Amino acid sequence: MKTVTMRVDDSIYNMIKLAAEGQKRNLSNFIEFATMQYLTSSQFVDSDEMQEILDDKELVQNLMNGLDDLKNGDYQIV
């Protein structure tokens, strides 16, 4: 386990403190919880959203075309 020291504006600290109290968590536990919630919700889509993406045939075809272009060296990821 690592210890992290961070500086936050007083107004942000007060929001974090209120949110932690509202969930009956201490500050460090709430910050860890909120960070994990953000990382998992922003990096992944739920099954309904994924189905909506897969049902969009034009979008899927465009993504596949882009992947082909990348494999052919037409574009470079930077």
PDB file of N, CA and C in Angstrom:
ATOM      1  N   MET A   1       0.851  -1.175   0.000  1.00  0.00           N
ATOM      2  CA  MET A   1       0.000   0.000   0.000  1.00  0.00           C
ATOM      3  C   MET A   1       0.890   1.229   0.000  1.00  0.00           C
ATOM      4  N   LYS A   2       0.493   2.239  -0.759  1.00  0.00           N
ATOM      5  CA  LYS A   2       1.254   3.477  -0.894  1.00  0.00           C
ATOM      6  C   LYS A   2       0.537   4.615  -0.185  1.00  0.00           C
ATOM      7  N   THR A   3       1.301   5.571   0.285  1.00  0.00           N
ATOM      8  CA  THR A   3       0.760   6.796   0.862  1.00  0.00           C
ATOM      9  C   THR A   3       0.911   7.900  -0.166  1.00  0.00           C
ATOM     10  N   VAL A   4      -0.152   8.664  -0.376  1.00  0.00           N
ATOM     11  CA  VAL A   4      -0.141   9.748  -1.346  1.00  0.00           C
ATOM     12  C   VAL A   4      -0.476  11.045  -0.619  1.00  0.00           C
ATOM     13  N   THR A   5       0.336  12.053  -0.841  1.00  0.00           N
ATOM     14  CA  THR A   5       0.060  13.377  -0.295  1.00  0.00           C
ATOM     15  C   THR A   5      -0.397  14.256  -1.430  1.00  0.00           C
ATOM     16  N   MET A   6      -1.494  14.999  -1.223  1.00  0.00           N
ATOM     17  CA  MET A   6      -2.000  15.857  -2.294  1.00  0.00           C
ATOM     18  C   MET A   6      -2.519  17.160  -1.721  1.00  0.00           C
ATOM     19  N   ARG A   7      -2.480  18.180  -2.536  1.00  0.00           N
ATOM     20  CA  ARG A   7      -3.009  19.484  -2.148  1.00  0.00           C
ATOM     21  C   ARG A   7      -4.293  19.722  -2.939  1.00  0.00           C
ATOM     22  N   VAL A   8      -5.315  20.176  -2.246  1.00  0.00           N
ATOM     23  CA  VAL A   8      -6.573  20.528  -2.912  1.00  0.00           C
ATOM     24  C   VAL A   8      -7.071  21.845  -2.343  1.00  0.00           C
ATOM     25  N   ASP A   9      -7.789  22.558  -3.153  1.00  0.00           N
ATOM     26  CA  ASP A   9      -8.409  23.799  -2.730  1.00  0.00           C
ATOM     27  C   ASP A   9      -9.380  23.510  -1.580  1.00  0.00           C
ATOM     28  N   ASP A  10      -9.542  24.466  -0.686  1.00  0.00           N
ATOM     29  CA  ASP A  10     -10.433  24.271   0.464  1.00  0.00           C
ATOM     30  C   ASP A  10     -11.849  23.882   0.046  1.00  0.00           C
ATOM     31  N   SER A  11     -12.352  24.488  -1.018  1.00  0.00           N
ATOM     32  CA  SER A  11     -13.724  24.176  -1.442  1.00  0.00           C
ATOM     33  C   SER A  11     -13.826  22.731  -1.933  1.00  0.00           C
ATOM     34  N   ILE A  12     -12.782  22.246  -2.620  1.00  0.00           N
ATOM     35  CA  ILE A  12     -12.768  20.855  -3.074  1.00  0.00           C
ATOM     36  C   ILE A  12     -12.678  19.921  -1.867  1.00  0.00           C
ATOM     37  N   TYR A  13     -11.821  20.257  -0.914  1.00  0.00           N
ATOM     38  CA  TYR A  13     -11.689  19.450   0.300  1.00  0.00           C
ATOM     39  C   TYR A  13     -13.043  19.332   0.999  1.00  0.00           C
ATOM     40  N   ASN A  14     -13.751  20.441   1.113  1.00  0.00           N
ATOM     41  CA  ASN A  14     -15.046  20.419   1.794  1.00  0.00           C
ATOM     42  C   ASN A  14     -16.050  19.536   1.052  1.00  0.00           C
ATOM     43  N   MET A  15     -16.017  19.563  -0.282  1.00  0.00           N
ATOM     44  CA  MET A  15     -16.911  18.688  -1.057  1.00  0.00           C
ATOM     45  C   MET A  15     -16.564  17.226  -0.832  1.00  0.00           C
ATOM     46  N   ILE A  16     -15.266  16.909  -0.841  1.00  0.00           N
ATOM     47  CA  ILE A  16     -14.835  15.525  -0.618  1.00  0.00           C
ATOM     48  C   ILE A  16     -15.231  15.078   0.783  1.00  0.00           C
ATOM     49  N   LYS A  17     -15.008  15.948   1.766  1.00  0.00           N
ATOM     50  CA  LYS A  17     -15.339  15.614   3.150  1.00  0.00           C
ATOM     51  C   LYS A  17     -16.834  15.357   3.324  1.00  0.00           C
ATOM     52  N   LEU A  18     -17.663  16.203   2.720  1.00  0.00           N
ATOM     53  CA  LEU A  18     -19.119  16.009   2.805  1.00  0.00           C
ATOM     54  C   LEU A  18     -19.549  14.716   2.126  1.00  0.00           C
ATOM     55  N   ALA A  19     -18.971  14.439   0.970  1.00  0.00           N
ATOM     56  CA  ALA A  19     -19.317  13.210   0.251  1.00  0.00           C
ATOM     57  C   ALA A  19     -18.894  11.982   1.061  1.00  0.00           C
ATOM     58  N   ALA A  20     -17.712  12.043   1.667  1.00  0.00           N
ATOM     59  CA  ALA A  20     -17.231  10.921   2.480  1.00  0.00           C
ATOM     60  C   ALA A  20     -18.150  10.700   3.680  1.00  0.00           C
ATOM     61  N   GLU A  21     -18.519  11.781   4.337  1.00  0.00           N
ATOM     62  CA  GLU A  21     -19.420  11.665   5.484  1.00  0.00           C
ATOM     63  C   GLU A  21     -20.769  11.099   5.055  1.00  0.00           C
ATOM     64  N   GLY A  22     -21.236  11.525   3.879  1.00  0.00           N
ATOM     65  CA  GLY A  22     -22.520  11.043   3.377  1.00  0.00           C
ATOM     66  C   GLY A  22     -22.523   9.546   3.123  1.00  0.00           C
ATOM     67  N   GLN A  23     -21.351   8.992   2.809  1.00  0.00           N
ATOM     68  CA  GLN A  23     -21.239   7.551   2.580  1.00  0.00           C
ATOM     69  C   GLN A  23     -20.635   6.829   3.785  1.00  0.00           C
ATOM     70  N   LYS A  24     -20.476   7.568   4.873  1.00  0.00           N
ATOM     71  CA  LYS A  24     -19.903   7.010   6.105  1.00  0.00           C
ATOM     72  C   LYS A  24     -18.537   6.356   5.849  1.00  0.00           C
ATOM     73  N   ARG A  25     -17.698   7.087   5.108  1.00  0.00           N
ATOM     74  CA  ARG A  25     -16.334   6.648   4.808  1.00  0.00           C
ATOM     75  C   ARG A  25     -15.365   7.694   5.342  1.00  0.00           C
ATOM     76  N   ASN A  26     -14.133   7.257   5.628  1.00  0.00           N
ATOM     77  CA  ASN A  26     -13.123   8.255   5.957  1.00  0.00           C
ATOM     78  C   ASN A  26     -12.617   8.852   4.643  1.00  0.00           C
ATOM     79  N   LEU A  27     -11.867   9.960   4.735  1.00  0.00           N
ATOM     80  CA  LEU A  27     -11.443  10.667   3.527  1.00  0.00           C
ATOM     81  C   LEU A  27     -10.635   9.794   2.577  1.00  0.00           C
ATOM     82  N   SER A  28      -9.647   9.095   3.100  1.00  0.00           N
ATOM     83  CA  SER A  28      -8.790   8.308   2.215  1.00  0.00           C
ATOM     84  C   SER A  28      -9.577   7.188   1.548  1.00  0.00           C
ATOM     85  N   ASN A  29     -10.483   6.562   2.288  1.00  0.00           N
ATOM     86  CA  ASN A  29     -11.294   5.502   1.697  1.00  0.00           C
ATOM     87  C   ASN A  29     -12.216   6.069   0.628  1.00  0.00           C
ATOM     88  N   PHE A  30     -12.793   7.240   0.873  1.00  0.00           N
ATOM     89  CA  PHE A  30     -13.678   7.835  -0.120  1.00  0.00           C
ATOM     90  C   PHE A  30     -12.909   8.219  -1.379  1.00  0.00           C
ATOM     91  N   ILE A  31     -11.726   8.801  -1.221  1.00  0.00           N
ATOM     92  CA  ILE A  31     -10.929   9.193  -2.392  1.00  0.00           C
ATOM     93  C   ILE A  31     -10.559   7.962  -3.210  1.00  0.00           C
ATOM     94  N   GLU A  32     -10.181   6.873  -2.536  1.00  0.00           N
ATOM     95  CA  GLU A  32      -9.871   5.631  -3.251  1.00  0.00           C
ATOM     96  C   GLU A  32     -11.112   5.104  -3.969  1.00  0.00           C
ATOM     97  N   PHE A  33     -12.245   5.082  -3.272  1.00  0.00           N
ATOM     98  CA  PHE A  33     -13.502   4.616  -3.849  1.00  0.00           C
ATOM     99  C   PHE A  33     -13.903   5.467  -5.059  1.00  0.00           C
ATOM    100  N   ALA A  34     -13.868   6.794  -4.908  1.00  0.00           N
ATOM    101  CA  ALA A  34     -14.282   7.693  -5.981  1.00  0.00           C
ATOM    102  C   ALA A  34     -13.350   7.565  -7.188  1.00  0.00           C
ATOM    103  N   THR A  35     -12.077   7.389  -6.930  1.00  0.00           N
ATOM    104  CA  THR A  35     -11.114   7.218  -8.021  1.00  0.00           C
ATOM    105  C   THR A  35     -11.398   5.939  -8.787  1.00  0.00           C
ATOM    106  N   MET A  36     -11.640   4.848  -8.084  1.00  0.00           N
ATOM    107  CA  MET A  36     -11.947   3.579  -8.748  1.00  0.00           C
ATOM    108  C   MET A  36     -13.253   3.679  -9.531  1.00  0.00           C
ATOM    109  N   GLN A  37     -14.252   4.341  -8.961  1.00  0.00           N
ATOM    110  CA  GLN A  37     -15.523   4.528  -9.668  1.00  0.00           C
ATOM    111  C   GLN A  37     -15.293   5.286 -10.969  1.00  0.00           C
ATOM    112  N   TYR A  38     -14.499   6.354 -10.905  1.00  0.00           N
ATOM    113  CA  TYR A  38     -14.226   7.153 -12.095  1.00  0.00           C
ATOM    114  C   TYR A  38     -13.469   6.343 -13.138  1.00  0.00           C
ATOM    115  N   LEU A  39     -12.424   5.659 -12.711  1.00  0.00           N
ATOM    116  CA  LEU A  39     -11.601   4.915 -13.654  1.00  0.00           C
ATOM    117  C   LEU A  39     -12.366   3.792 -14.331  1.00  0.00           C
ATOM    118  N   THR A  40     -13.172   3.077 -13.585  1.00  0.00           N
ATOM    119  CA  THR A  40     -13.902   1.961 -14.189  1.00  0.00           C
ATOM    120  C   THR A  40     -15.077   2.438 -15.026  1.00  0.00           C
ATOM    121  N   SER A  41     -15.708   3.530 -14.648  1.00  0.00           N
ATOM    122  CA  SER A  41     -16.851   3.994 -15.434  1.00  0.00           C
ATOM    123  C   SER A  41     -16.415   4.746 -16.673  1.00  0.00           C
ATOM    124  N   SER A  42     -15.248   5.379 -16.647  1.00  0.00           N
ATOM    125  CA  SER A  42     -14.819   6.132 -17.820  1.00  0.00           C
ATOM    126  C   SER A  42     -14.048   5.274 -18.815  1.00  0.00           C
ATOM    127  N   GLN A  43     -13.550   4.133 -18.403  1.00  0.00           N
ATOM    128  CA  GLN A  43     -12.753   3.289 -19.278  1.00  0.00           C
ATOM    129  C   GLN A  43     -13.569   2.184 -19.941  1.00  0.00           C
ATOM    130  N   PHE A  44     -14.720   1.876 -19.403  1.00  0.00           N
ATOM    131  CA  PHE A  44     -15.511   0.760 -19.889  1.00  0.00           C
ATOM    132  C   PHE A  44     -16.951   1.193 -20.138  1.00  0.00           C
ATOM    133  N   VAL A  45     -17.610   0.512 -21.036  1.00  0.00           N
ATOM    134  CA  VAL A  45     -19.025   0.776 -21.276  1.00  0.00           C
ATOM    135  C   VAL A  45     -19.829  -0.392 -20.726  1.00  0.00           C
ATOM    136  N   ASP A  46     -21.050  -0.100 -20.306  1.00  0.00           N
ATOM    137  CA  ASP A  46     -21.886  -1.189 -19.810  1.00  0.00           C
ATOM    138  C   ASP A  46     -22.439  -1.985 -20.991  1.00  0.00           C
ATOM    139  N   SER A  47     -23.066  -3.103 -20.703  1.00  0.00           N
ATOM    140  CA  SER A  47     -23.508  -4.010 -21.769  1.00  0.00           C
ATOM    141  C   SER A  47     -24.560  -3.374 -22.676  1.00  0.00           C
ATOM    142  N   ASP A  48     -25.435  -2.523 -22.130  1.00  0.00           N
ATOM    143  CA  ASP A  48     -26.441  -1.858 -22.963  1.00  0.00           C
ATOM    144  C   ASP A  48     -25.790  -0.894 -23.947  1.00  0.00           C
ATOM    145  N   GLU A  49     -24.806  -0.126 -23.458  1.00  0.00           N
ATOM    146  CA  GLU A  49     -24.123   0.815 -24.336  1.00  0.00           C
ATOM    147  C   GLU A  49     -23.308   0.076 -25.398  1.00  0.00           C
ATOM    148  N   MET A  50     -22.667  -1.032 -25.015  1.00  0.00           N
ATOM    149  CA  MET A  50     -21.896  -1.808 -25.985  1.00  0.00           C
ATOM    150  C   MET A  50     -22.820  -2.382 -27.060  1.00  0.00           C
ATOM    151  N   GLN A  51     -23.991  -2.847 -26.669  1.00  0.00           N
ATOM    152  CA  GLN A  51     -24.928  -3.383 -27.656  1.00  0.00           C
ATOM    153  C   GLN A  51     -25.376  -2.293 -28.617  1.00  0.00           C
ATOM    154  N   GLU A  52     -25.586  -1.088 -28.092  1.00  0.00           N
ATOM    155  CA  GLU A  52     -25.971   0.039 -28.941  1.00  0.00           C
ATOM    156  C   GLU A  52     -24.863   0.347 -29.949  1.00  0.00           C
ATOM    157  N   ILE A  53     -23.621   0.288 -29.515  1.00  0.00           N
ATOM    158  CA  ILE A  53     -22.483   0.506 -30.420  1.00  0.00           C
ATOM    159  C   ILE A  53     -22.449  -0.579 -31.486  1.00  0.00           C
ATOM    160  N   LEU A  54     -22.563  -1.836 -31.066  1.00  0.00           N
ATOM    161  CA  LEU A  54     -22.501  -2.940 -32.021  1.00  0.00           C
ATOM    162  C   LEU A  54     -23.658  -2.938 -33.007  1.00  0.00           C
ATOM    163  N   ASP A  55     -24.805  -2.416 -32.591  1.00  0.00           N
ATOM    164  CA  ASP A  55     -25.970  -2.352 -33.473  1.00  0.00           C
ATOM    165  C   ASP A  55     -25.836  -1.262 -34.538  1.00  0.00           C
ATOM    166  N   ASP A  56     -24.912  -0.326 -34.332  1.00  0.00           N
ATOM    167  CA  ASP A  56     -24.693   0.755 -35.302  1.00  0.00           C
ATOM    168  C   ASP A  56     -23.727   0.252 -36.373  1.00  0.00           C
ATOM    169  N   LYS A  57     -24.287  -0.324 -37.426  1.00  0.00           N
ATOM    170  CA  LYS A  57     -23.476  -0.982 -38.463  1.00  0.00           C
ATOM    171  C   LYS A  57     -22.507  -0.017 -39.143  1.00  0.00           C
ATOM    172  N   GLU A  58     -22.943   1.221 -39.370  1.00  0.00           N
ATOM    173  CA  GLU A  58     -22.061   2.202 -40.011  1.00  0.00           C
ATOM    174  C   GLU A  58     -20.859   2.514 -39.118  1.00  0.00           C
ATOM    175  N   LEU A  59     -21.107   2.683 -37.828  1.00  0.00           N
ATOM    176  CA  LEU A  59     -20.013   2.939 -36.890  1.00  0.00           C
ATOM    177  C   LEU A  59     -19.042   1.773 -36.861  1.00  0.00           C
ATOM    178  N   VAL A  60     -19.559   0.558 -36.767  1.00  0.00           N
ATOM    179  CA  VAL A  60     -18.699  -0.635 -36.721  1.00  0.00           C
ATOM    180  C   VAL A  60     -17.869  -0.730 -37.997  1.00  0.00           C
ATOM    181  N   GLN A  61     -18.472  -0.467 -39.146  1.00  0.00           N
ATOM    182  CA  GLN A  61     -17.738  -0.518 -40.413  1.00  0.00           C
ATOM    183  C   GLN A  61     -16.643   0.546 -40.452  1.00  0.00           C
ATOM    184  N   ASN A  62     -16.948   1.746 -39.984  1.00  0.00           N
ATOM    185  CA  ASN A  62     -15.937   2.808 -39.935  1.00  0.00           C
ATOM    186  C   ASN A  62     -14.780   2.436 -39.013  1.00  0.00           C
ATOM    187  N   LEU A  63     -15.086   1.826 -37.880  1.00  0.00           N
ATOM    188  CA  LEU A  63     -14.032   1.382 -36.961  1.00  0.00           C
ATOM    189  C   LEU A  63     -13.167   0.308 -37.600  1.00  0.00           C
ATOM    190  N   MET A  64     -13.804  -0.624 -38.290  1.00  0.00           N
ATOM    191  CA  MET A  64     -13.055  -1.684 -38.971  1.00  0.00           C
ATOM    192  C   MET A  64     -12.179  -1.105 -40.086  1.00  0.00           C
ATOM    193  N   ASN A  65     -12.715  -0.144 -40.840  1.00  0.00           N
ATOM    194  CA  ASN A  65     -11.926   0.506 -41.879  1.00  0.00           C
ATOM    195  C   ASN A  65     -10.714   1.231 -41.275  1.00  0.00           C
ATOM    196  N   GLY A  66     -10.935   1.893 -40.150  1.00  0.00           N
ATOM    197  CA  GLY A  66      -9.833   2.570 -39.477  1.00  0.00           C
ATOM    198  C   GLY A  66      -8.774   1.589 -39.009  1.00  0.00           C
ATOM    199  N   LEU A  67      -9.190   0.456 -38.501  1.00  0.00           N
ATOM    200  CA  LEU A  67      -8.248  -0.576 -38.067  1.00  0.00           C
ATOM    201  C   LEU A  67      -7.450  -1.108 -39.256  1.00  0.00           C
ATOM    202  N   ASP A  68      -8.125  -1.321 -40.375  1.00  0.00           N
ATOM    203  CA  ASP A  68      -7.426  -1.755 -41.595  1.00  0.00           C
ATOM    204  C   ASP A  68      -6.410  -0.708 -42.041  1.00  0.00           C
ATOM    205  N   ASP A  69      -6.819   0.572 -42.005  1.00  0.00           N
ATOM    206  CA  ASP A  69      -5.897   1.653 -42.381  1.00  0.00           C
ATOM    207  C   ASP A  69      -4.670   1.658 -41.479  1.00  0.00           C
ATOM    208  N   LEU A  70      -4.884   1.448 -40.200  1.00  0.00           N
ATOM    209  CA  LEU A  70      -3.774   1.414 -39.253  1.00  0.00           C
ATOM    210  C   LEU A  70      -2.846   0.250 -39.543  1.00  0.00           C
ATOM    211  N   LYS A  71      -3.423  -0.927 -39.786  1.00  0.00           N
ATOM    212  CA  LYS A  71      -2.608  -2.112 -40.094  1.00  0.00           C
ATOM    213  C   LYS A  71      -1.816  -1.940 -41.388  1.00  0.00           C
ATOM    214  N   ASN A  72      -2.387  -1.200 -42.344  1.00  0.00           N
ATOM    215  CA  ASN A  72      -1.721  -0.969 -43.629  1.00  0.00           C
ATOM    216  C   ASN A  72      -0.681   0.151 -43.553  1.00  0.00           C
ATOM    217  N   GLY A  73      -0.549   0.776 -42.393  1.00  0.00           N
ATOM    218  CA  GLY A  73       0.426   1.844 -42.235  1.00  0.00           C
ATOM    219  C   GLY A  73      -0.043   3.194 -42.753  1.00  0.00           C
ATOM    220  N   ASP A  74      -1.331   3.323 -43.011  1.00  0.00           N
ATOM    221  CA  ASP A  74      -1.859   4.598 -43.525  1.00  0.00           C
ATOM    222  C   ASP A  74      -1.893   5.674 -42.441  1.00  0.00           C
ATOM    223  N   TYR A  75      -1.931   5.258 -41.185  1.00  0.00           N
ATOM    224  CA  TYR A  75      -1.994   6.181 -40.062  1.00  0.00           C
ATOM    225  C   TYR A  75      -1.062   5.692 -38.975  1.00  0.00           C
ATOM    226  N   GLN A  76      -0.698   6.614 -38.103  1.00  0.00           N
ATOM    227  CA  GLN A  76       0.171   6.259 -36.991  1.00  0.00           C
ATOM    228  C   GLN A  76      -0.462   6.759 -35.708  1.00  0.00           C
ATOM    229  N   ILE A  77      -0.529   5.915 -34.703  1.00  0.00           N
ATOM    230  CA  ILE A  77      -1.037   6.316 -33.400  1.00  0.00           C
ATOM    231  C   ILE A  77       0.070   7.057 -32.673  1.00  0.00           C
ATOM    232  N   VAL A  78      -0.232   8.243 -32.197  1.00  0.00           N
ATOM    233  CA  VAL A  78       0.771   9.046 -31.467  1.00  0.00           C
ATOM    234  C   VAL A  78       0.295   9.323 -30.072  1.00  0.00           C
TER     235      VAL A  78
END
